[in-house]
Amino acid sequence: YKIGDKIVHKVTADALIVLGIKRVKESISEDFDSVQHEALEFASTKADELISSFDKERVKRNVFQYGMHEEIKESKAKTSFKRAIEFCNEIMKLLE
């Protein structure tokens, strides 16, 4: 049971290793593509949320500036401050 100077079991094992490595590479590649797609979707969603938050603050600033009672102003100001911190944190991450 020799093929040339090699034993059949060794040749079979080598063939299985090559086949196994190929399948593992394909599986990892598919997993990578899937994770990459999910990451891009997450980044897109996060960007949309940041832009939406920024736009809401712009609209709110207009209302805030031109007519609102003091109690409401304080609540709105706290929300604006929180959003500003979140926005700045995300921008700082992008700049790193």
N, C-alpha and C. Protein backbone atom coordinates (compact mmCIF):
# COMPACT_ATOMS: atom_id res chain seq x y z
N TYR A 1 0.80 -1.21 0.00
CA TYR A 1 0.00 0.00 0.00
C TYR A 1 0.85 1.27 0.00
N LYS A 2 1.82 1.31 -0.79
CA LYS A 2 2.64 2.51 -0.89
C LYS A 2 2.40 3.18 -2.23
N ILE A 3 2.44 4.51 -2.21
CA ILE A 3 2.36 5.28 -3.44
C ILE A 3 3.74 5.88 -3.61
N GLY A 4 4.45 5.35 -4.54
CA GLY A 4 5.84 5.77 -4.68
C GLY A 4 6.56 5.36 -3.41
N ASP A 5 7.16 6.33 -2.77
CA ASP A 5 7.84 6.03 -1.51
C ASP A 5 7.03 6.50 -0.31
N LYS A 6 5.74 6.78 -0.50
CA LYS A 6 4.90 7.27 0.59
C LYS A 6 3.87 6.23 0.99
N ILE A 7 3.49 6.25 2.24
CA ILE A 7 2.48 5.34 2.77
C ILE A 7 1.10 5.93 2.50
N VAL A 8 0.15 5.09 2.14
CA VAL A 8 -1.20 5.52 1.80
C VAL A 8 -1.82 6.36 2.91
N HIS A 9 -1.65 5.96 4.15
CA HIS A 9 -2.24 6.70 5.26
C HIS A 9 -1.69 8.13 5.35
N LYS A 10 -0.42 8.28 5.08
CA LYS A 10 0.20 9.61 5.12
C LYS A 10 -0.33 10.47 3.98
N VAL A 11 -0.46 9.90 2.80
CA VAL A 11 -0.99 10.63 1.65
C VAL A 11 -2.43 11.04 1.92
N THR A 12 -3.22 10.12 2.47
CA THR A 12 -4.62 10.42 2.80
C THR A 12 -4.71 11.52 3.86
N ALA A 13 -3.88 11.41 4.89
CA ALA A 13 -3.87 12.43 5.94
C ALA A 13 -3.50 13.79 5.37
N ASP A 14 -2.48 13.83 4.51
CA ASP A 14 -2.07 15.09 3.89
C ASP A 14 -3.21 15.69 3.05
N ALA A 15 -3.90 14.82 2.30
CA ALA A 15 -5.02 15.29 1.47
C ALA A 15 -6.15 15.84 2.34
N LEU A 16 -6.44 15.16 3.44
CA LEU A 16 -7.49 15.64 4.36
C LEU A 16 -7.11 16.96 5.01
N ILE A 17 -5.83 17.10 5.33
CA ILE A 17 -5.36 18.35 5.93
C ILE A 17 -5.54 19.50 4.94
N VAL A 18 -5.14 19.28 3.69
CA VAL A 18 -5.28 20.33 2.67
C VAL A 18 -6.75 20.68 2.47
N LEU A 19 -7.61 19.66 2.38
CA LEU A 19 -9.04 19.89 2.22
C LEU A 19 -9.61 20.62 3.44
N GLY A 20 -9.19 20.19 4.62
CA GLY A 20 -9.67 20.83 5.86
C GLY A 20 -9.25 22.29 5.94
N ILE A 21 -8.00 22.57 5.60
CA ILE A 21 -7.52 23.95 5.63
C ILE A 21 -8.31 24.81 4.65
N LYS A 22 -8.59 24.26 3.46
CA LYS A 22 -9.36 25.01 2.47
C LYS A 22 -10.75 25.34 3.01
N ARG A 23 -11.40 24.35 3.61
CA ARG A 23 -12.75 24.58 4.14
C ARG A 23 -12.74 25.57 5.30
N VAL A 24 -11.73 25.47 6.16
CA VAL A 24 -11.63 26.42 7.28
C VAL A 24 -11.43 27.83 6.75
N LYS A 25 -10.57 27.99 5.76
CA LYS A 25 -10.35 29.32 5.17
C LYS A 25 -11.64 29.88 4.57
N GLU A 26 -12.38 29.02 3.86
CA GLU A 26 -13.64 29.47 3.26
C GLU A 26 -14.64 29.88 4.34
N SER A 27 -14.70 29.09 5.40
CA SER A 27 -15.63 29.39 6.50
C SER A 27 -15.26 30.70 7.18
N ILE A 28 -13.97 30.88 7.44
CA ILE A 28 -13.52 32.12 8.08
C ILE A 28 -13.79 33.30 7.16
N SER A 29 -13.56 33.13 5.88
CA SER A 29 -13.81 34.21 4.92
C SER A 29 -15.29 34.59 4.90
N GLU A 30 -16.18 33.58 4.91
CA GLU A 30 -17.61 33.85 4.95
C GLU A 30 -18.00 34.56 6.24
N ASP A 31 -17.44 34.09 7.37
CA ASP A 31 -17.72 34.74 8.65
C ASP A 31 -17.25 36.19 8.64
N PHE A 32 -16.05 36.42 8.08
CA PHE A 32 -15.51 37.77 8.01
C PHE A 32 -16.42 38.67 7.18
N ASP A 33 -16.86 38.17 6.03
CA ASP A 33 -17.75 38.96 5.17
C ASP A 33 -19.04 39.32 5.90
N SER A 34 -19.58 38.36 6.64
CA SER A 34 -20.82 38.59 7.38
C SER A 34 -20.61 39.64 8.48
N VAL A 35 -19.53 39.49 9.23
CA VAL A 35 -19.24 40.43 10.32
C VAL A 35 -18.95 41.81 9.75
N GLN A 36 -18.23 41.86 8.64
CA GLN A 36 -17.93 43.14 8.01
C GLN A 36 -19.22 43.84 7.59
N HIS A 37 -20.14 43.09 7.01
CA HIS A 37 -21.43 43.66 6.59
C HIS A 37 -22.20 44.18 7.81
N GLU A 38 -22.21 43.40 8.89
CA GLU A 38 -22.90 43.84 10.11
C GLU A 38 -22.25 45.10 10.68
N ALA A 39 -20.92 45.16 10.64
CA ALA A 39 -20.22 46.34 11.16
C ALA A 39 -20.55 47.58 10.34
N LEU A 40 -20.63 47.42 9.03
CA LEU A 40 -20.98 48.56 8.17
C LEU A 40 -22.42 49.02 8.43
N GLU A 41 -23.32 48.07 8.64
CA GLU A 41 -24.71 48.43 8.97
C GLU A 41 -24.76 49.17 10.30
N PHE A 42 -24.01 48.68 11.29
CA PHE A 42 -23.97 49.33 12.60
C PHE A 42 -23.42 50.75 12.46
N ALA A 43 -22.33 50.89 11.71
CA ALA A 43 -21.72 52.22 11.52
C ALA A 43 -22.70 53.16 10.83
N SER A 44 -23.42 52.66 9.85
CA SER A 44 -24.40 53.48 9.14
C SER A 44 -25.52 53.92 10.08
N THR A 45 -26.01 52.98 10.88
CA THR A 45 -27.06 53.30 11.85
C THR A 45 -26.57 54.33 12.85
N LYS A 46 -25.35 54.14 13.35
CA LYS A 46 -24.77 55.06 14.33
C LYS A 46 -24.62 56.45 13.71
N ALA A 47 -24.16 56.52 12.48
CA ALA A 47 -24.01 57.81 11.80
C ALA A 47 -25.37 58.49 11.63
N ASP A 48 -26.38 57.71 11.24
CA ASP A 48 -27.73 58.27 11.09
C ASP A 48 -28.25 58.81 12.42
N GLU A 49 -27.99 58.07 13.50
CA GLU A 49 -28.43 58.52 14.83
C GLU A 49 -27.74 59.82 15.23
N LEU A 50 -26.43 59.91 14.94
CA LEU A 50 -25.70 61.14 15.28
C LEU A 50 -26.22 62.34 14.50
N ILE A 51 -26.44 62.15 13.22
CA ILE A 51 -26.96 63.24 12.39
C ILE A 51 -28.35 63.64 12.84
N SER A 52 -29.19 62.66 13.15
CA SER A 52 -30.55 62.93 13.62
C SER A 52 -30.51 63.71 14.93
N SER A 53 -29.65 63.27 15.84
CA SER A 53 -29.52 63.95 17.13
C SER A 53 -29.06 65.40 16.93
N PHE A 54 -28.09 65.58 16.05
CA PHE A 54 -27.58 66.91 15.76
C PHE A 54 -28.69 67.80 15.19
N ASP A 55 -29.48 67.25 14.27
CA ASP A 55 -30.57 68.01 13.65
C ASP A 55 -31.66 68.35 14.67
N LYS A 56 -31.99 67.40 15.54
CA LYS A 56 -32.99 67.67 16.58
C LYS A 56 -32.54 68.82 17.48
N GLU A 57 -31.27 68.84 17.79
CA GLU A 57 -30.74 69.92 18.62
C GLU A 57 -30.83 71.26 17.90
N ARG A 58 -30.58 71.26 16.61
CA ARG A 58 -30.69 72.50 15.84
C ARG A 58 -32.12 73.03 15.87
N VAL A 59 -33.09 72.14 15.65
CA VAL A 59 -34.50 72.54 15.67
C VAL A 59 -34.89 73.01 17.07
N LYS A 60 -34.46 72.25 18.07
CA LYS A 60 -34.81 72.60 19.45
C LYS A 60 -34.20 73.94 19.85
N ARG A 61 -32.99 74.20 19.38
CA ARG A 61 -32.34 75.47 19.71
C ARG A 61 -33.18 76.64 19.20
N ASN A 62 -33.75 76.48 18.03
CA ASN A 62 -34.60 77.53 17.46
C ASN A 62 -35.81 77.78 18.36
N VAL A 63 -36.49 76.71 18.76
CA VAL A 63 -37.66 76.84 19.64
C VAL A 63 -37.24 77.40 20.99
N PHE A 64 -36.15 76.88 21.51
CA PHE A 64 -35.63 77.28 22.81
C PHE A 64 -35.33 78.78 22.84
N GLN A 65 -34.74 79.24 21.79
CA GLN A 65 -34.28 80.63 21.73
C GLN A 65 -35.44 81.62 21.60
N TYR A 66 -36.51 81.21 20.94
CA TYR A 66 -37.55 82.18 20.62
C TYR A 66 -38.88 81.99 21.33
N GLY A 67 -38.92 81.28 22.42
CA GLY A 67 -40.16 81.24 23.18
C GLY A 67 -40.41 79.96 23.93
N MET A 68 -40.07 79.96 25.20
CA MET A 68 -40.29 78.79 26.01
C MET A 68 -40.23 79.19 27.48
N HIS A 69 -41.02 78.53 28.33
CA HIS A 69 -40.99 78.81 29.77
C HIS A 69 -39.71 78.26 30.40
N GLU A 70 -39.33 78.84 31.53
CA GLU A 70 -38.07 78.50 32.18
C GLU A 70 -37.97 77.02 32.59
N GLU A 71 -39.06 76.43 33.11
CA GLU A 71 -39.02 75.03 33.54
C GLU A 71 -38.72 74.10 32.36
N ILE A 72 -39.34 74.40 31.26
CA ILE A 72 -39.14 73.58 30.07
C ILE A 72 -37.72 73.79 29.54
N LYS A 73 -37.22 75.02 29.62
CA LYS A 73 -35.87 75.31 29.14
C LYS A 73 -34.84 74.47 29.88
N GLU A 74 -35.01 74.33 31.20
CA GLU A 74 -34.04 73.56 31.98
C GLU A 74 -34.02 72.09 31.55
N SER A 75 -35.18 71.51 31.39
CA SER A 75 -35.28 70.11 30.95
C SER A 75 -34.65 69.92 29.58
N LYS A 76 -34.98 70.82 28.68
CA LYS A 76 -34.44 70.74 27.32
C LYS A 76 -32.93 70.95 27.32
N ALA A 77 -32.46 71.84 28.18
CA ALA A 77 -31.02 72.11 28.26
C ALA A 77 -30.26 70.87 28.75
N LYS A 78 -30.83 70.15 29.71
CA LYS A 78 -30.18 68.93 30.20
C LYS A 78 -30.08 67.88 29.10
N THR A 79 -31.16 67.72 28.35
CA THR A 79 -31.14 66.77 27.24
C THR A 79 -30.11 67.19 26.19
N SER A 80 -30.06 68.47 25.90
CA SER A 80 -29.10 68.98 24.92
C SER A 80 -27.67 68.74 25.38
N PHE A 81 -27.43 68.96 26.66
CA PHE A 81 -26.09 68.76 27.21
C PHE A 81 -25.68 67.29 27.09
N LYS A 82 -26.59 66.39 27.41
CA LYS A 82 -26.32 64.96 27.31
C LYS A 82 -26.00 64.58 25.87
N ARG A 83 -26.81 65.07 24.94
CA ARG A 83 -26.58 64.76 23.52
C ARG A 83 -25.25 65.35 23.04
N ALA A 84 -24.93 66.53 23.52
CA ALA A 84 -23.67 67.17 23.12
C ALA A 84 -22.48 66.34 23.59
N ILE A 85 -22.55 65.82 24.80
CA ILE A 85 -21.47 64.98 25.31
C ILE A 85 -21.34 63.72 24.47
N GLU A 86 -22.46 63.07 24.16
CA GLU A 86 -22.43 61.86 23.32
C GLU A 86 -21.86 62.17 21.94
N PHE A 87 -22.28 63.29 21.37
CA PHE A 87 -21.80 63.68 20.04
C PHE A 87 -20.29 63.92 20.08
N CYS A 88 -19.83 64.66 21.07
CA CYS A 88 -18.39 64.95 21.20
C CYS A 88 -17.59 63.67 21.39
N ASN A 89 -18.10 62.75 22.20
CA ASN A 89 -17.41 61.48 22.42
C ASN A 89 -17.26 60.70 21.11
N GLU A 90 -18.29 60.67 20.31
CA GLU A 90 -18.23 59.96 19.03
C GLU A 90 -17.25 60.65 18.07
N ILE A 91 -17.27 61.96 18.04
CA ILE A 91 -16.33 62.69 17.18
C ILE A 91 -14.89 62.46 17.63
N MET A 92 -14.66 62.44 18.94
CA MET A 92 -13.31 62.18 19.45
C MET A 92 -12.83 60.79 19.05
N LYS A 93 -13.72 59.80 19.07
CA LYS A 93 -13.36 58.45 18.64
C LYS A 93 -12.93 58.46 17.17
N LEU A 94 -13.64 59.24 16.36
CA LEU A 94 -13.31 59.31 14.94
C LEU A 94 -11.95 59.98 14.70
N LEU A 95 -11.60 60.91 15.57
CA LEU A 95 -10.35 61.65 15.40
C LEU A 95 -9.13 60.90 15.93
N GLU A 96 -9.35 59.85 16.70
CA GLU A 96 -8.22 59.10 17.26
C GLU A 96 -7.52 58.30 16.21
